[in-house]
Protein backbone atom coordinates (compact mmCIF):
# COMPACT_ATOMS: atom_id res chain seq x y z
CA MET A 1 139.20 -53.25 195.48
CA ALA A 2 141.99 -50.92 194.25
CA GLU A 3 140.84 -47.63 192.76
CA GLN A 4 141.37 -47.60 189.03
CA ILE A 5 141.40 -45.65 185.78
CA LEU A 6 139.24 -47.06 182.97
CA ILE A 7 140.83 -46.90 179.49
CA ILE A 8 138.40 -47.21 176.59
CA ASP A 9 140.23 -48.65 173.58
CA PHE A 10 139.25 -47.45 170.10
CA GLY A 11 141.97 -49.59 168.48
CA SER A 12 145.10 -47.47 168.87
CA GLN A 13 148.54 -49.04 168.66
CA TYR A 14 149.41 -46.96 171.75
CA THR A 15 146.59 -48.08 174.07
CA GLN A 16 148.73 -50.57 176.02
CA LEU A 17 151.33 -47.84 176.40
CA ILE A 18 148.76 -45.55 178.05
CA ALA A 19 148.04 -48.31 180.56
CA ARG A 20 151.74 -48.78 181.28
CA ARG A 21 152.20 -45.06 181.93
CA VAL A 22 149.23 -45.01 184.31
CA ARG A 23 150.61 -47.96 186.23
CA GLU A 24 154.02 -46.32 186.45
CA LEU A 25 152.20 -43.74 188.60
CA ASN A 26 151.26 -46.60 190.97
CA VAL A 27 147.63 -46.43 189.90
CA TYR A 28 145.74 -49.50 188.70
CA CYS A 29 143.99 -49.32 185.32
CA GLU A 30 142.18 -51.61 182.92
CA ILE A 31 141.73 -51.53 179.14
CA HIS A 32 138.31 -52.34 177.71
CA PRO A 33 137.28 -52.14 174.03
CA TYR A 34 134.68 -49.51 173.16
CA ASN A 35 132.29 -52.30 172.06
CA ASN A 36 132.61 -54.36 175.27
CA LEU A 37 132.34 -51.92 178.16
CA PRO A 38 132.47 -53.00 181.82
CA GLU A 39 129.86 -52.16 184.43
CA MET A 40 130.54 -48.96 186.33
CA THR A 41 131.82 -49.48 189.88
CA ASP A 42 132.77 -47.12 192.69
CA ASP A 43 136.46 -47.93 192.34
CA ILE A 44 136.64 -46.27 188.85
CA LYS A 45 138.00 -42.77 189.44
CA GLY A 46 138.43 -41.55 185.87
CA VAL A 47 138.21 -42.51 182.20
CA ILE A 48 140.60 -42.16 179.23
CA PHE A 49 139.46 -42.42 175.60
CA SER A 50 142.30 -43.80 173.46
CA GLY A 51 143.42 -42.96 169.96
CA SER A 52 142.34 -44.96 166.90
CA PRO A 53 143.44 -45.74 163.32
CA HIS A 54 139.95 -44.59 162.25
CA SER A 55 138.65 -41.11 161.42
CA VAL A 56 135.65 -39.78 163.34
CA ARG A 57 134.22 -38.83 159.93
CA GLU A 58 133.99 -42.44 158.74
CA ALA A 59 130.53 -43.98 158.53
CA ASP A 60 131.70 -46.98 160.54
CA ALA A 61 133.90 -45.07 162.99
CA PRO A 62 133.98 -46.52 166.54
CA GLN A 63 131.04 -45.14 168.51
CA ILE A 64 130.39 -44.86 172.22
CA ASP A 65 127.78 -43.17 174.43
CA GLN A 66 129.93 -40.38 175.85
CA ASN A 67 127.21 -39.56 178.40
CA LEU A 68 128.04 -42.76 180.25
CA TYR A 69 131.14 -40.94 181.53
CA ARG A 70 130.90 -37.21 180.85
CA LYS A 71 129.99 -35.20 183.98
CA ASN A 72 129.92 -38.44 185.99
CA LEU A 73 133.70 -38.91 186.10
CA PRO A 74 136.83 -37.02 185.03
CA LEU A 75 137.40 -37.80 181.36
CA LEU A 76 140.48 -37.42 179.14
CA GLY A 77 140.31 -37.85 175.36
CA VAL A 78 143.56 -38.66 173.56
CA CYS A 79 143.94 -38.04 169.77
CA TYR A 80 140.89 -39.84 168.30
CA GLY A 81 139.27 -39.50 171.72
CA ALA A 82 139.76 -35.72 171.54
CA GLN A 83 138.40 -35.51 168.01
CA TYR A 84 135.46 -37.76 168.88
CA LEU A 85 134.34 -35.63 171.83
CA ALA A 86 134.57 -32.45 169.73
CA TYR A 87 132.84 -33.97 166.70
CA GLN A 88 129.98 -35.55 168.67
CA ASN A 89 129.19 -32.20 170.32
CA GLY A 90 129.02 -30.11 167.16
CA GLY A 91 132.66 -29.31 166.51
CA GLU A 92 134.28 -29.52 163.08
CA VAL A 93 136.88 -32.19 162.33
CA LEU A 94 138.52 -32.03 158.91
CA PRO A 95 141.37 -33.77 157.10
CA SER A 96 144.65 -32.00 157.85
CA GLU A 97 146.18 -30.11 154.94
CA ILE A 98 149.52 -31.46 156.13
CA ARG A 99 149.43 -34.70 158.10
CA GLU A 100 151.13 -34.00 161.42
CA TYR A 101 153.22 -36.93 162.47
CA GLY A 102 156.17 -36.70 164.83
CA ARG A 103 157.57 -34.05 167.14
CA ALA A 104 155.91 -30.67 167.69
CA LYS A 105 156.29 -27.84 170.24
CA LEU A 106 153.57 -26.32 172.40
CA THR A 107 153.49 -22.63 171.46
CA SER A 108 150.75 -21.75 173.97
CA VAL A 109 149.71 -23.35 177.26
CA ASP A 110 146.93 -22.36 179.68
CA ALA A 111 148.86 -22.53 182.93
CA ASN A 112 145.65 -22.07 184.94
CA CYS A 113 144.15 -25.32 183.63
CA PRO A 114 144.71 -28.25 186.05
CA LEU A 115 145.64 -30.59 183.16
CA MET A 116 148.45 -28.29 182.00
CA LYS A 117 149.90 -27.50 185.43
CA ASP A 118 153.71 -27.14 185.27
CA ILE A 119 153.81 -27.81 181.50
CA PRO A 120 156.23 -25.26 180.01
CA LEU A 121 156.05 -23.42 176.72
CA ASN A 122 157.91 -25.18 173.90
CA SER A 123 157.39 -28.56 175.57
CA GLN A 124 157.90 -31.26 172.93
CA VAL A 125 154.87 -33.45 172.15
CA TRP A 126 154.30 -36.35 169.77
CA MET A 127 151.61 -35.97 167.12
CA SER A 128 150.16 -38.80 165.01
CA HIS A 129 146.95 -37.86 163.22
CA GLY A 130 145.51 -37.29 159.73
CA ASP A 131 142.52 -35.21 160.87
CA THR A 132 142.48 -31.96 162.79
CA ILE A 133 139.91 -30.18 164.95
CA ALA A 134 138.99 -27.12 162.86
CA SER A 135 136.54 -25.61 165.34
CA LEU A 136 135.30 -26.39 168.85
CA PRO A 137 131.70 -26.48 170.10
CA ASP A 138 130.40 -23.88 172.56
CA ALA A 139 131.72 -24.30 176.11
CA PHE A 140 134.89 -25.95 174.76
CA GLU A 141 138.07 -23.88 175.24
CA VAL A 142 141.59 -24.33 173.92
CA ILE A 143 144.24 -24.98 176.59
CA ALA A 144 147.26 -25.68 174.37
CA SER A 145 148.36 -25.11 170.77
CA THR A 146 151.32 -25.89 168.51
CA GLU A 147 152.54 -23.86 165.57
CA SER A 148 150.40 -25.82 163.09
CA VAL A 149 147.59 -27.15 165.33
CA ASN A 150 145.47 -24.56 167.12
CA VAL A 151 143.47 -27.12 169.11
CA ALA A 152 146.30 -29.22 170.53
CA ALA A 153 144.37 -29.55 173.80
CA TYR A 154 141.06 -28.34 175.19
CA ARG A 155 138.70 -28.57 178.15
CA ILE A 156 134.93 -28.36 178.52
CA LYS A 157 133.84 -25.57 180.84
CA GLY A 158 131.87 -26.61 183.90
CA GLU A 159 133.00 -30.25 183.92
CA GLU A 160 136.16 -32.31 184.39
CA THR A 161 136.46 -33.26 180.72
CA TYR A 162 139.77 -32.66 178.95
CA ALA A 163 141.26 -33.68 175.62
CA ILE A 164 144.65 -33.63 173.92
CA GLN A 165 145.43 -34.09 170.23
CA PHE A 166 148.94 -35.45 170.91
CA HIS A 167 150.07 -38.67 172.60
CA PRO A 168 151.27 -38.12 176.19
CA GLU A 169 152.02 -41.83 176.63
CA VAL A 170 155.00 -41.95 174.24
CA THR A 171 158.44 -40.94 175.50
CA HIS A 172 158.80 -38.35 172.73
CA SER A 173 156.17 -36.24 174.56
CA ILE A 174 158.69 -34.91 177.09
CA ASP A 175 156.13 -33.79 179.67
CA GLY A 176 153.51 -36.38 178.74
CA LYS A 177 153.88 -38.30 182.00
CA ARG A 178 153.33 -35.08 183.93
CA ILE A 179 150.11 -34.40 181.99
CA LEU A 180 148.87 -37.89 182.83
CA GLU A 181 149.85 -37.37 186.46
CA ASN A 182 147.96 -34.08 186.52
CA PHE A 183 144.87 -35.89 185.27
CA ILE A 184 145.12 -39.09 187.31
CA VAL A 185 146.41 -37.73 190.63
CA ASP A 186 145.21 -34.11 190.79
CA ILE A 187 141.98 -34.27 188.79
CA CYS A 188 140.85 -37.87 189.45
CA GLY A 189 142.26 -37.90 192.98
CA CYS A 190 143.94 -41.32 192.79
CA ALA A 191 146.06 -42.17 195.84
CA GLN A 192 149.00 -43.86 194.00
CA ASN A 193 149.03 -46.84 196.36
CA TRP A 194 148.99 -49.67 193.79
CA THR A 195 152.50 -51.10 194.41
CA PRO A 196 154.07 -54.55 194.00
CA ASP A 197 153.88 -55.12 197.77
CA ALA A 198 150.23 -54.10 197.80
CA PHE A 199 149.55 -56.40 194.85
CA VAL A 200 151.15 -59.37 196.62
CA ASP A 201 149.17 -58.77 199.82
CA SER A 202 145.82 -58.33 198.06
CA THR A 203 146.38 -61.22 195.61
CA VAL A 204 147.44 -63.69 198.29
CA ALA A 205 144.40 -62.76 200.39
CA GLN A 206 142.15 -63.17 197.35
CA LEU A 207 143.69 -66.56 196.49
CA LYS A 208 143.21 -67.82 200.05
CA GLU A 209 139.56 -66.91 199.88
CA GLN A 210 139.10 -68.31 196.38
CA LEU A 211 140.92 -71.63 196.86
CA GLY A 212 140.43 -72.47 200.54
CA GLU A 213 141.84 -75.96 201.14
CA ASP A 214 141.63 -76.98 197.46
CA ARG A 215 144.61 -78.44 195.60
CA VAL A 216 146.08 -76.65 192.60
CA ILE A 217 148.25 -78.06 189.79
CA LEU A 218 150.57 -75.71 187.94
CA GLY A 219 152.80 -76.42 184.97
CA LEU A 220 156.15 -74.70 185.50
CA SER A 221 158.26 -73.68 182.53
CA GLY A 222 161.27 -72.14 184.27
CA GLY A 223 160.19 -68.73 182.98
CA VAL A 224 159.25 -65.56 184.82
CA ASP A 225 155.46 -65.75 184.55
CA SER A 226 154.87 -69.31 185.74
CA SER A 227 157.50 -68.91 188.49
CA VAL A 228 155.93 -65.74 189.94
CA ALA A 229 152.45 -67.27 189.66
CA ALA A 230 153.74 -70.30 191.56
CA MET A 231 155.18 -68.17 194.36
CA LEU A 232 151.91 -66.24 194.81
CA LEU A 233 149.97 -69.51 194.97
CA HIS A 234 152.55 -71.01 197.32
CA LYS A 235 152.14 -68.04 199.69
CA ALA A 236 148.39 -68.58 199.64
CA ILE A 237 148.01 -72.37 199.86
CA GLY A 238 151.48 -73.80 200.61
CA GLU A 239 151.74 -77.57 200.11
CA ASN A 240 148.38 -77.69 198.35
CA LEU A 241 150.17 -76.34 195.27
CA TYR A 242 151.57 -79.15 193.09
CA CYS A 243 154.02 -77.93 190.43
CA ILE A 244 155.02 -80.06 187.46
CA PHE A 245 158.10 -79.23 185.39
CA VAL A 246 158.27 -81.25 182.16
CA ASP A 247 161.54 -81.78 180.30
CA ASN A 248 160.52 -82.00 176.65
CA GLY A 249 164.10 -82.56 175.49
CA LEU A 250 164.02 -79.11 173.89
CA LEU A 251 165.26 -77.04 176.81
CA ARG A 252 168.56 -75.21 176.98
CA LYS A 253 171.71 -77.07 178.04
CA ASP A 254 171.45 -78.33 181.67
CA GLU A 255 168.27 -76.27 182.14
CA PHE A 256 166.12 -79.07 183.53
CA GLU A 257 168.47 -79.77 186.43
CA SER A 258 169.34 -76.13 187.19
CA VAL A 259 165.74 -74.90 187.15
CA LEU A 260 164.57 -77.80 189.36
CA ASP A 261 167.33 -76.94 191.83
CA SER A 262 166.37 -73.26 191.91
CA TYR A 263 162.72 -74.15 192.54
CA LYS A 264 163.65 -76.38 195.46
CA HIS A 265 165.51 -73.45 197.03
CA MET A 266 162.28 -71.43 196.72
CA GLY A 267 160.43 -73.98 198.84
CA LEU A 268 158.08 -75.03 196.07
CA ASN A 269 156.53 -78.48 195.85
CA VAL A 270 157.88 -79.45 192.42
CA LYS A 271 158.02 -82.70 190.50
CA GLY A 272 160.34 -82.96 187.50
CA VAL A 273 159.29 -85.26 184.66
CA ASN A 274 161.77 -86.26 181.95
CA ALA A 275 159.68 -87.00 178.88
CA SER A 276 162.29 -86.27 176.19
CA SER A 277 161.90 -89.60 174.42
CA LYS A 278 158.12 -89.14 174.07
CA PHE A 279 158.55 -85.72 172.47
CA TYR A 280 161.28 -86.91 170.08
CA ALA A 281 159.15 -89.84 168.99
CA GLU A 282 156.16 -87.60 168.23
CA LEU A 283 158.35 -85.09 166.36
CA GLU A 284 160.14 -87.61 164.18
CA GLY A 285 160.09 -86.56 160.52
CA LEU A 286 158.05 -83.38 161.06
CA THR A 287 159.32 -80.22 159.33
CA ASP A 288 156.32 -77.86 159.22
CA PRO A 289 156.49 -75.32 162.10
CA GLU A 290 152.80 -75.58 162.94
CA ALA A 291 152.90 -79.39 162.84
CA LYS A 292 155.84 -79.32 165.24
CA ARG A 293 154.05 -76.97 167.62
CA LYS A 294 150.96 -79.16 167.63
CA ALA A 295 153.01 -82.30 168.23
CA ILE A 296 154.81 -80.68 171.16
CA GLY A 297 151.49 -79.46 172.55
CA LYS A 298 149.89 -82.90 172.22
CA VAL A 299 152.63 -84.69 174.11
CA PHE A 300 152.72 -81.98 176.76
CA VAL A 301 149.00 -82.43 177.36
CA ASP A 302 149.40 -86.22 177.52
CA VAL A 303 152.26 -86.00 180.02
CA PHE A 304 150.57 -83.31 182.09
CA ASP A 305 147.31 -85.25 182.18
CA GLU A 306 149.12 -88.40 183.27
CA GLU A 307 150.95 -86.58 186.06
CA SER A 308 147.91 -84.59 187.22
CA LYS A 309 145.97 -87.80 187.81
CA LEU A 310 148.52 -88.66 190.48
CA VAL A 311 147.43 -85.57 192.45
CA GLU A 312 144.32 -86.72 194.31
CA ASN A 313 141.38 -84.29 194.50
CA ALA A 314 143.05 -81.56 192.45
CA LYS A 315 140.42 -78.98 191.52
CA TRP A 316 142.32 -76.05 190.02
CA LEU A 317 144.75 -75.43 187.20
CA GLY A 318 147.23 -72.60 187.86
CA GLN A 319 148.42 -70.58 184.86
CA GLY A 320 150.85 -67.73 184.31
CA THR A 321 148.53 -65.77 181.99
CA ILE A 322 149.47 -62.08 181.91
CA TYR A 323 147.54 -58.96 180.93
CA PRO A 324 148.61 -58.66 177.25
CA ASP A 325 147.12 -62.14 176.69
CA VAL A 326 143.84 -61.01 178.27
CA ILE A 327 143.75 -57.78 176.22
CA GLU A 328 144.39 -59.74 173.02
CA SER A 329 141.45 -62.03 173.67
CA VAL A 330 138.97 -59.16 173.99
CA SER A 331 140.59 -56.55 171.75
CA VAL A 332 138.70 -54.19 169.47
CA LYS A 333 139.75 -56.32 166.52
CA GLY A 334 138.92 -59.56 168.28
CA PRO A 335 141.37 -62.42 168.81
CA SER A 336 144.15 -62.57 166.27
CA ALA A 337 143.22 -64.21 163.00
CA THR A 338 146.33 -66.36 163.10
CA ILE A 339 147.39 -67.70 166.48
CA LYS A 340 150.32 -70.04 166.97
CA SER A 341 149.39 -73.30 168.63
CA HIS A 342 150.11 -73.15 172.34
CA HIS A 343 152.27 -75.74 174.03
CA ASN A 344 151.23 -74.91 177.54
CA VAL A 345 148.44 -75.87 179.89
CA GLY A 346 146.21 -73.25 178.35
CA GLY A 347 145.59 -75.88 175.69
CA LEU A 348 144.45 -78.64 178.06
CA PRO A 349 141.33 -80.49 176.91
CA ASP A 350 137.93 -80.07 178.54
CA TYR A 351 137.94 -83.58 179.96
CA MET A 352 140.40 -82.54 182.63
CA THR A 353 137.54 -80.49 184.20
CA LEU A 354 139.83 -78.28 186.27
CA LYS A 355 138.88 -74.72 187.14
CA VAL A 356 141.47 -72.11 186.14
CA VAL A 357 143.23 -69.70 188.52
CA GLU A 358 145.43 -66.95 187.01
CA PRO A 359 147.13 -64.77 189.66
CA LEU A 360 148.93 -62.57 187.08
CA ARG A 361 146.14 -61.86 184.61
CA THR A 362 146.15 -58.12 185.45
CA LEU A 363 149.92 -57.57 185.11
CA PHE A 364 152.29 -56.61 182.30
CA LYS A 365 155.59 -58.49 182.00
CA ASP A 366 157.68 -55.78 183.69
CA GLU A 367 155.15 -55.66 186.55
CA VAL A 368 155.45 -59.43 186.96
CA ARG A 369 159.17 -58.99 187.48
CA ARG A 370 158.63 -56.23 190.04
CA VAL A 371 156.18 -58.41 191.95
CA GLY A 372 158.75 -61.23 191.91
CA ARG A 373 161.41 -58.88 193.29
CA SER A 374 159.06 -57.80 196.08
CA MET A 375 158.87 -61.49 197.10
CA ASN A 376 162.70 -61.74 197.04
CA MET A 377 162.73 -64.28 194.22
CA ASP A 378 165.97 -65.42 192.58
CA PRO A 379 167.17 -62.72 190.12
CA ASN A 380 168.36 -65.49 187.79
CA ILE A 381 164.73 -66.49 187.27
CA LEU A 382 163.24 -62.98 187.23
CA ASN A 383 165.78 -61.63 184.74
CA ARG A 384 165.66 -64.57 182.37
CA HIS A 385 164.98 -63.77 178.75
CA PRO A 386 161.66 -65.03 177.39
CA PHE A 387 161.98 -68.55 176.01
CA PRO A 388 159.43 -70.05 173.61
CA GLY A 389 157.17 -72.76 174.99
CA PRO A 390 158.12 -75.26 172.25
CA GLY A 391 161.73 -74.47 173.16
CA LEU A 392 164.46 -75.37 170.69
CA GLY A 393 161.81 -77.20 168.64
CA ILE A 394 161.06 -73.94 166.81
CA ARG A 395 164.69 -72.85 166.70
CA ILE A 396 165.67 -75.96 164.73
CA LEU A 397 164.37 -75.32 161.24
CA GLY A 398 163.32 -78.56 159.62
CA ASP A 399 163.08 -81.95 161.32
CA ILE A 400 164.22 -82.46 164.90
CA THR A 401 166.68 -85.09 166.09
CA ALA A 402 168.49 -85.58 169.37
CA ASP A 403 171.79 -84.78 167.64
CA LYS A 404 170.48 -81.48 166.26
CA VAL A 405 169.22 -80.56 169.73
CA ARG A 406 172.65 -81.32 171.16
CA ILE A 407 174.34 -79.08 168.60
CA LEU A 408 171.96 -76.19 169.18
CA GLN A 409 172.17 -76.52 172.97
CA GLU A 410 175.95 -76.16 172.77
CA VAL A 411 175.72 -73.15 170.41
CA ASP A 412 173.05 -71.47 172.56
CA HIS A 413 175.07 -72.12 175.71
CA ILE A 414 178.14 -70.36 174.29
CA PHE A 415 176.06 -67.40 173.04
CA ILE A 416 174.02 -66.83 176.23
CA ASN A 417 177.00 -67.32 178.56
CA GLY A 418 179.00 -64.92 176.39
CA LEU A 419 176.30 -62.25 176.76
CA LYS A 420 176.41 -62.68 180.53
CA GLU A 421 180.20 -62.64 180.78
CA HIS A 422 180.43 -59.44 178.72
CA GLY A 423 177.67 -57.64 180.66
CA LEU A 424 175.34 -57.64 177.66
CA TYR A 425 172.64 -60.08 178.82
CA GLU A 426 170.50 -57.54 180.66
CA GLN A 427 170.80 -55.05 177.79
CA VAL A 428 169.05 -57.54 175.53
CA TRP A 429 165.34 -58.45 175.81
CA GLN A 430 165.68 -61.89 174.21
CA ALA A 431 168.48 -63.86 172.60
CA GLY A 432 168.98 -67.31 171.18
CA ALA A 433 170.42 -69.34 168.33
CA MET A 434 168.74 -70.97 165.33
CA LEU A 435 169.96 -74.12 163.57
CA LEU A 436 169.38 -73.65 159.85
CA PRO A 437 168.48 -76.42 157.36
CA VAL A 438 171.47 -75.57 155.17
CA GLN A 439 175.10 -76.53 155.06
CA SER A 440 178.08 -74.55 153.84
CA VAL A 441 181.58 -75.20 152.67
CA GLY A 442 184.38 -74.34 155.06
CA VAL A 443 188.05 -75.04 155.75
CA MET A 444 189.31 -76.34 159.08
CA GLY A 445 193.00 -77.04 159.21
CA ASP A 446 193.86 -78.22 155.71
CA GLU A 447 190.58 -80.00 155.21
CA ARG A 448 187.42 -79.00 153.41
CA THR A 449 184.25 -79.16 155.55
CA TYR A 450 180.57 -79.18 154.62
CA GLU A 451 178.69 -78.51 157.84
CA LYS A 452 175.76 -76.74 159.45
CA VAL A 453 175.02 -73.01 159.70
CA VAL A 454 173.66 -71.32 162.83
CA ALA A 455 172.08 -67.88 163.15
CA LEU A 456 172.38 -65.82 166.31
CA ARG A 457 169.43 -63.60 167.22
CA ALA A 458 169.30 -60.86 169.88
CA VAL A 459 166.66 -58.15 170.14
CA THR A 460 165.75 -55.18 172.28
CA SER A 461 162.11 -54.63 173.18
CA VAL A 462 159.70 -53.58 175.94
CA ASP A 463 157.07 -56.29 175.64
CA GLY A 464 157.89 -58.30 172.49
CA MET A 465 155.12 -56.70 170.43
CA THR A 466 157.78 -54.84 168.46
CA ALA A 467 161.52 -55.43 168.57
CA ASP A 468 164.77 -54.08 167.13
CA TRP A 469 167.85 -56.16 166.53
CA ALA A 470 170.43 -55.60 169.22
CA HIS A 471 173.59 -53.76 168.14
CA LEU A 472 176.06 -56.12 169.79
CA PRO A 473 179.74 -55.16 169.53
CA TYR A 474 181.54 -56.63 166.50
CA GLU A 475 184.34 -57.83 168.77
CA PHE A 476 181.86 -59.79 170.87
CA LEU A 477 180.22 -61.37 167.83
CA GLN A 478 183.63 -62.30 166.45
CA GLU A 479 184.64 -63.94 169.73
CA VAL A 480 181.39 -65.91 170.04
CA SER A 481 181.53 -66.99 166.41
CA ASN A 482 185.07 -68.32 166.84
CA GLN A 483 184.11 -70.21 170.02
CA ILE A 484 181.11 -71.83 168.39
CA ILE A 485 182.99 -72.95 165.28
CA ASN A 486 185.94 -74.23 167.31
CA ARG A 487 183.97 -75.97 170.07
CA VAL A 488 180.77 -77.24 168.47
CA LYS A 489 181.36 -80.18 166.17
CA GLY A 490 179.14 -79.99 163.10
CA VAL A 491 179.03 -76.16 162.72
CA ASN A 492 181.32 -74.21 160.42
CA ARG A 493 179.47 -70.93 159.85
CA VAL A 494 177.75 -68.36 162.13
CA VAL A 495 175.53 -65.50 160.93
CA TYR A 496 173.82 -62.70 162.88
CA ASP A 497 170.16 -61.79 162.27
CA ILE A 498 169.66 -58.01 161.84
CA SER A 499 165.92 -58.09 161.12
CA SER A 500 163.48 -56.10 163.24
CA LYS A 501 159.90 -56.97 164.24
CA PRO A 502 157.95 -56.14 162.16
CA PRO A 503 158.41 -57.28 159.43
CA ALA A 504 160.27 -60.28 160.88
CA THR A 505 159.25 -62.10 164.06
CA ILE A 506 161.61 -62.68 166.98
CA GLU A 507 161.60 -66.44 166.52
CA TRP A 508 162.19 -67.98 163.09
CA GLU A 509 159.26 -70.43 163.32
């Protein structure tokens, strides 16, 4: 078992970012909500209390028994975590006269404190809090201050408990990563040996033990997650892995053939199933986004069930579930109130009675890619933009027909290839085109046209939770627009989506 840091989540928007920073130090960590704590094990080397949107002064503020961890393990409180430790031990936490949000400078630093080792004066930190620690309990001592916050960081004498009012996990805290390294490596004593290669070795060994000679079915999508999951399973059980790649008629242009070819070069046991006509028949006349998702999901389940029955004695269902999905399902706030219907095998009915195996359930998306690279997987698969499970079905607004799919495939093909040819593809996190349910007047040659409108969408992001519209060069957009209008019959107008997430979503449906 890899040594790990335990992160207790009090509901902060930055909690996942703390985990990412810890893992960048090649140390494994897990996030657990304050109200669903794991059992203590010998592999836990330290604990971090996250921030929170709550105030410690609220009657229903998140509560935890600090004595579970204090003096037993090194402990670091961040923002709310810092205020909570002070407040619960007799300190005074009051509303700030001026809410400190944004950049601040450390005006004093205790260089003798292990947490603040090599942190210079005037180091920029990122503050985000409405309360402030007015006074500390006995045995608590200040180790850093800013001009307006005296208790920017503190430690408890006689134990390895530290706290910081600012957020070291955000990039605006210039030396934040060093502070986390001081805590995780120097104070907790973590060995920094959690690497992609180590993950592959340990996961493959675990899968061999878990699966033995059993057969596993996995639904491939052509995306990063399912492809890396397939390779890990393939390393563990070889020909006992049966992959199914379903063409729902809503893939990108020529994607079914090209993805199948790439999988064959990877040595995977893959069966391609063209079920386009079944999906089109189920989607006929549907315009509501949720109804379309459910229809796509239903047919996928039917096709997958039919194909899985052809695999004799299959006992396991392989899935590409990744860590953000796991965190969401056990978050402080509980599963999301509104969840889009899933198209994938995660929605398979109980009657299939397959046990689930999820090789990637502890990894973030960028870590999945690094693991794929360590297995020498095709960069064209690893670097692919995320693509929605329902495919072009939720990029065609309104009802879906084979002709509309053809139009959008051509538009998307020009846009994505253009990004690649101009060296912009890898600068963008996700890109695609939307076919809108409107027509516009245009002029082509000397004739009036009344044809379809498409919207191009490209965003930058780390994990898709938030996203900014990509500032693509005007010259590029002009060139792509001209190519689409000239080459794709039925389209006479191209627009570019400059909405960010939030308030918009990345997809339009």
